[in-house]
Each structure stands twice: as structure tokens, then as C-alpha cells.
Amino acid sequence: MSGSVRLALALLPLAAYCFVLGVWQSGKKPRIIAGPADFGLLAFGLGGLIAFGPVGQLVVGMVFPRPSLPAWLAVASFEGLVAMIVAIRTRKRLVVYNVEAADLDRAVGLAMESIAGTASRTVRGFEDIPGHRGVTVEVSPRLRIGVMESHGEQPERLTEAIHPVLLARLSEVPSRTTPLAVVWFSLSFVALLIPVSVALMARPEVRAVIRRLGGR
């Protein structure tokens, strides 16, 4: 596998990941993503960089006799398998993009009251004491990304029950485009531009045109 192909496989998924984050951070409403989907997107975005970048090159050199196409695909497949196993553990989590801490906190509290009939406030979230279950809520003010995670008895079922209620609550909350959206779009453009530029520079006719332009 040529270096330009590996560079494209490493950076194009990252470009797509950054672009999606830019879209989510520039919407008019908060965006709720299930834990496995959010982790899967992260694994897709960084997976190419890991599998076909320096880390993957090191693994291929240590495990396989030569860096053949099957060797690179084996590393990528193993990475995908690990990501699928880890994603299962995120089923009790919801990730909310482009949200204020107060808005998410209020919406989760109302969702818990709607489902459990009670929601006792705790330091990190809300508890359904009779049901022996609860949720934690954490928000990064700078990134405007919130994470809600269930715990206690049958946490996955609690997350599934909260998801549509939380979606309805947050659909009433106006949001705004954050400066981070521009950052994500810029990173996406750079990650896309690098492999495209390398591929173009590998063509003799392109180099000849550049030399002629430089000679003027």
C-alpha cells in the first residue's frame, strides 16, 4: 500500500468526523446522540489515523513479516473489533452537543420526573431513590458538550426511556452556533486538504505546472 493511500485512509475519516462535529455544534437545537453511535463516530474518525498512521505502521512492522495490504487490513479489522466491544459499554450514555449546562440539567431533571415520578437532586445528577437508579450529568462549558449516564438497576433501560423525553425537552431549547463549529470545519478542511495535496503533487504533470509557474 502506497504512502499516499495510507495518508488518505488516515486523514479522510478524521475530516468526516470533524465535519460532523461542526454540523452538530452549529445547529439551532441541541443534538442528542446515543452513546454507542457517538463512540462509533469517534472510533471511525480516529481509527484511520491509528490504523494507517505511525501506530499502525509500528504494529505492522512488529507483527507481520512485511507491510502488505492484508497486514494493514488486519490491523484495521482488529481495531474495529476492539471499538465494537468498547461501544457496548456506552449503551447507558447519551451525549448532547451544543448545549448549555443549565439547559441540560433542567431537561434531565424533568425527564427523570416524567419517567420515575421523582427526581432527587444529587451533586452530580438525579436519583430515583425508590427505583434504586439515577443519572449523572456532566457538561463542558467550553466545548458545549454534555454527557448523561445512567447507573443503578438496569441503567440501559433507563437511558432508553430518557432518550425520547430528553429529546422532546431539548427541542424546546433554542441554541446558538458556537465558535467551535468554525474550528471543527477548519480542521475538517485541513485534514481533507493534506491527502488531496499529496496526491496531486505525486502527479508529474502537476509538478511540471508548478515549476513553470515558479519560473515566471
Protein backbone atom coordinates (compact mmCIF):
# COMPACT_ATOMS: atom_id res chain seq x y z
CA MET A 1 0.00 0.00 0.00
CA SER A 2 1.49 3.31 -1.09
CA GLY A 3 2.16 6.14 1.31
CA SER A 4 -0.38 8.46 -0.33
CA VAL A 5 -3.13 5.85 0.01
CA ARG A 6 -2.30 5.30 3.66
CA LEU A 7 -2.32 9.06 4.24
CA ALA A 8 -5.78 9.30 2.68
CA LEU A 9 -7.09 6.39 4.78
CA ALA A 10 -5.63 8.03 7.88
CA LEU A 11 -6.97 11.56 7.37
CA LEU A 12 -10.21 11.31 5.37
CA PRO A 13 -12.17 9.64 8.21
CA LEU A 14 -10.83 12.34 10.54
CA ALA A 15 -12.03 15.01 8.10
CA ALA A 16 -15.50 13.46 8.06
CA TYR A 17 -15.58 13.26 11.86
CA CYS A 18 -14.61 16.91 12.29
CA PHE A 19 -17.19 17.96 9.70
CA VAL A 20 -19.98 16.12 11.53
CA LEU A 21 -18.97 17.74 14.83
CA GLY A 22 -19.06 21.12 13.11
CA VAL A 23 -22.60 20.45 11.90
CA TRP A 24 -23.73 19.33 15.36
CA GLN A 25 -22.18 22.37 17.01
CA SER A 26 -23.78 24.79 14.56
CA GLY A 27 -27.40 23.62 14.80
CA LYS A 28 -30.25 25.67 16.18
CA LYS A 29 -31.13 22.93 18.68
CA PRO A 30 -29.01 20.67 20.90
CA ARG A 31 -28.19 17.34 19.26
CA ILE A 32 -28.61 14.12 21.28
CA ILE A 33 -26.51 11.13 20.24
CA ALA A 34 -26.70 7.66 21.76
CA GLY A 35 -23.52 6.53 23.46
CA PRO A 36 -22.64 3.70 21.02
CA ALA A 37 -23.22 5.95 18.00
CA ASP A 38 -21.10 8.73 19.47
CA PHE A 39 -18.28 6.35 20.34
CA GLY A 40 -18.56 4.66 16.95
CA LEU A 41 -18.15 8.00 15.20
CA LEU A 42 -15.13 8.82 17.37
CA ALA A 43 -13.60 5.41 16.62
CA PHE A 44 -14.20 5.96 12.90
CA GLY A 45 -12.62 9.41 12.98
CA LEU A 46 -9.53 8.42 14.91
CA GLY A 47 -9.38 4.82 13.72
CA GLY A 48 -7.85 5.62 10.36
CA LEU A 49 -5.22 7.80 12.00
CA ILE A 50 -4.33 4.98 14.39
CA ALA A 51 -4.52 2.05 11.97
CA PHE A 52 -2.79 3.67 8.99
CA GLY A 53 -0.66 6.24 10.79
CA PRO A 54 2.57 5.81 12.78
CA VAL A 55 0.96 3.49 15.34
CA GLY A 56 -0.36 1.14 12.67
CA GLN A 57 2.97 1.24 10.86
CA LEU A 58 4.74 0.23 14.07
CA VAL A 59 2.30 -2.64 14.71
CA VAL A 60 2.54 -3.92 11.15
CA GLY A 61 6.34 -3.87 11.33
CA MET A 62 6.36 -5.77 14.63
CA VAL A 63 3.69 -8.40 13.87
CA PHE A 64 3.91 -9.07 10.14
CA PRO A 65 6.93 -10.03 8.01
CA ARG A 66 6.22 -7.25 5.50
CA PRO A 67 3.79 -4.32 5.24
CA SER A 68 1.35 -5.89 2.77
CA LEU A 69 -2.27 -4.93 2.17
CA PRO A 70 -3.61 -7.88 4.23
CA ALA A 71 -1.39 -6.76 7.12
CA TRP A 72 -2.83 -3.24 7.12
CA LEU A 73 -6.39 -4.59 6.82
CA ALA A 74 -5.77 -6.98 9.70
CA VAL A 75 -4.69 -4.10 11.95
CA ALA A 76 -7.73 -2.05 10.94
CA SER A 77 -10.07 -5.02 11.49
CA PHE A 78 -8.65 -5.68 14.95
CA GLU A 79 -9.07 -2.03 15.84
CA GLY A 80 -12.69 -2.14 14.65
CA LEU A 81 -13.36 -5.25 16.76
CA VAL A 82 -11.98 -3.57 19.88
CA ALA A 83 -14.09 -0.48 19.17
CA MET A 84 -17.25 -2.61 18.87
CA ILE A 85 -16.56 -4.28 22.21
CA VAL A 86 -15.96 -0.96 23.96
CA ALA A 87 -19.06 0.60 22.32
CA ILE A 88 -21.27 -1.95 24.09
CA ARG A 89 -20.31 -0.39 27.43
CA THR A 90 -21.60 3.02 26.31
CA ARG A 91 -25.26 1.95 25.92
CA LYS A 92 -26.17 3.65 29.19
CA ARG A 93 -24.86 7.01 27.96
CA LEU A 94 -26.30 9.90 25.98
CA VAL A 95 -24.08 12.66 24.56
CA VAL A 96 -25.57 16.10 23.89
CA TYR A 97 -23.84 18.59 21.60
CA ASN A 98 -24.29 22.36 21.52
CA VAL A 99 -25.98 22.62 24.91
CA GLU A 100 -25.70 24.85 27.95
CA ALA A 101 -25.15 23.20 31.33
CA ALA A 102 -28.27 24.73 32.88
CA ASP A 103 -30.47 23.67 29.95
CA LEU A 104 -29.28 20.07 30.03
CA ASP A 105 -29.52 19.87 33.81
CA ARG A 106 -33.10 21.14 33.76
CA ALA A 107 -34.13 18.86 30.89
CA VAL A 108 -32.66 15.74 32.53
CA GLY A 109 -34.38 16.55 35.82
CA LEU A 110 -37.76 16.93 34.08
CA ALA A 111 -37.16 13.72 32.13
CA MET A 112 -36.42 11.80 35.33
CA GLU A 113 -39.58 13.17 36.96
CA SER A 114 -41.60 12.19 33.91
CA ILE A 115 -40.29 8.62 33.91
CA ALA A 116 -39.78 7.81 37.57
CA GLY A 117 -42.26 10.22 39.16
CA THR A 118 -39.49 11.56 41.36
CA ALA A 119 -36.04 13.03 40.88
CA SER A 120 -33.93 13.77 43.93
CA ARG A 121 -31.13 16.21 43.19
CA THR A 122 -27.60 15.00 43.89
CA VAL A 123 -24.18 16.59 43.49
CA ARG A 124 -23.63 15.04 40.07
CA GLY A 125 -27.15 14.41 38.78
CA PHE A 126 -30.51 12.97 39.82
CA GLU A 127 -31.62 9.91 41.75
CA ASP A 128 -34.73 7.77 41.66
CA ILE A 129 -34.30 6.51 45.22
CA PRO A 130 -37.30 4.12 45.28
CA GLY A 131 -36.19 2.65 41.96
CA HIS A 132 -32.53 2.34 43.03
CA ARG A 133 -31.32 4.11 39.91
CA GLY A 134 -30.14 7.51 38.79
CA VAL A 135 -28.24 9.55 36.25
CA THR A 136 -25.12 11.69 36.28
CA VAL A 137 -24.88 14.85 34.20
CA GLU A 138 -21.61 16.48 33.16
CA VAL A 139 -21.19 19.39 30.76
CA SER A 140 -18.05 21.03 29.39
CA PRO A 141 -18.91 24.76 29.19
CA ARG A 142 -16.15 25.50 26.70
CA LEU A 143 -16.92 22.59 24.37
CA ARG A 144 -20.70 22.82 24.98
CA ILE A 145 -20.86 19.02 25.13
CA GLY A 146 -22.85 17.24 27.83
CA VAL A 147 -22.83 13.59 28.89
CA MET A 148 -25.71 11.91 30.71
CA GLU A 149 -25.03 8.42 32.05
CA SER A 150 -27.41 6.12 33.92
CA HIS A 151 -26.47 3.93 36.85
CA GLY A 152 -28.13 1.57 39.29
CA GLU A 153 -30.66 -1.11 38.32
CA GLN A 154 -30.98 -1.70 34.57
CA PRO A 155 -29.18 1.51 33.52
CA GLU A 156 -29.52 0.76 29.79
CA ARG A 157 -33.32 0.64 30.06
CA LEU A 158 -33.34 3.92 31.96
CA THR A 159 -31.27 5.56 29.22
CA GLU A 160 -33.60 4.22 26.54
CA ALA A 161 -36.60 5.62 28.43
CA ILE A 162 -34.98 9.02 28.98
CA HIS A 163 -33.82 9.47 25.38
CA PRO A 164 -37.16 10.40 23.74
CA VAL A 165 -38.27 12.50 26.72
CA LEU A 166 -34.98 14.38 26.77
CA LEU A 167 -35.23 14.88 23.01
CA ALA A 168 -38.65 16.47 23.41
CA ARG A 169 -37.48 18.70 26.25
CA LEU A 170 -34.38 19.94 24.46
CA SER A 171 -36.28 20.54 21.22
CA GLU A 172 -37.87 23.49 23.01
CA VAL A 173 -34.48 24.95 23.96
CA PRO A 174 -33.03 27.45 21.48
CA SER A 175 -29.32 27.15 20.89
CA ARG A 176 -26.66 29.09 19.04
CA THR A 177 -23.76 28.36 16.77
CA THR A 178 -20.56 28.23 18.77
CA PRO A 179 -17.11 29.41 17.62
CA LEU A 180 -16.07 25.77 17.98
CA ALA A 181 -18.13 24.96 14.91
CA VAL A 182 -15.72 27.07 12.84
CA VAL A 183 -12.79 25.24 14.44
CA TRP A 184 -14.24 21.82 13.58
CA PHE A 185 -14.98 22.87 9.99
CA SER A 186 -11.43 24.26 9.66
CA LEU A 187 -9.89 21.04 10.97
CA SER A 188 -12.05 19.07 8.56
CA PHE A 189 -10.84 21.19 5.64
CA VAL A 190 -7.16 20.81 6.65
CA ALA A 191 -7.49 17.04 7.13
CA LEU A 192 -9.10 16.81 3.68
CA LEU A 193 -6.61 19.15 2.02
CA ILE A 194 -3.46 17.29 3.09
CA PRO A 195 -4.06 13.94 1.31
CA VAL A 196 -5.55 15.69 -1.73
CA SER A 197 -2.48 17.93 -2.00
CA VAL A 198 -0.10 14.99 -1.62
CA ALA A 199 -1.98 13.03 -4.28
CA LEU A 200 -1.84 15.96 -6.69
CA MET A 201 1.85 16.62 -6.06
CA ALA A 202 2.59 12.98 -6.87
CA ARG A 203 1.44 13.56 -10.46
CA PRO A 204 4.27 14.64 -12.80
CA GLU A 205 2.06 16.99 -14.81
CA VAL A 206 1.07 18.88 -11.67
CA ARG A 207 4.70 19.28 -10.62
CA ALA A 208 5.55 20.47 -14.12
CA VAL A 209 2.85 23.14 -13.97
CA ILE A 210 4.11 24.31 -10.58
CA ARG A 211 7.68 24.52 -11.87
CA ARG A 212 6.56 26.58 -14.85
CA LEU A 213 4.57 28.93 -12.62
CA GLY A 214 7.52 29.25 -10.26
CA GLY A 215 9.83 30.12 -13.13
CA ARG A 216 7.83 33.15 -14.15
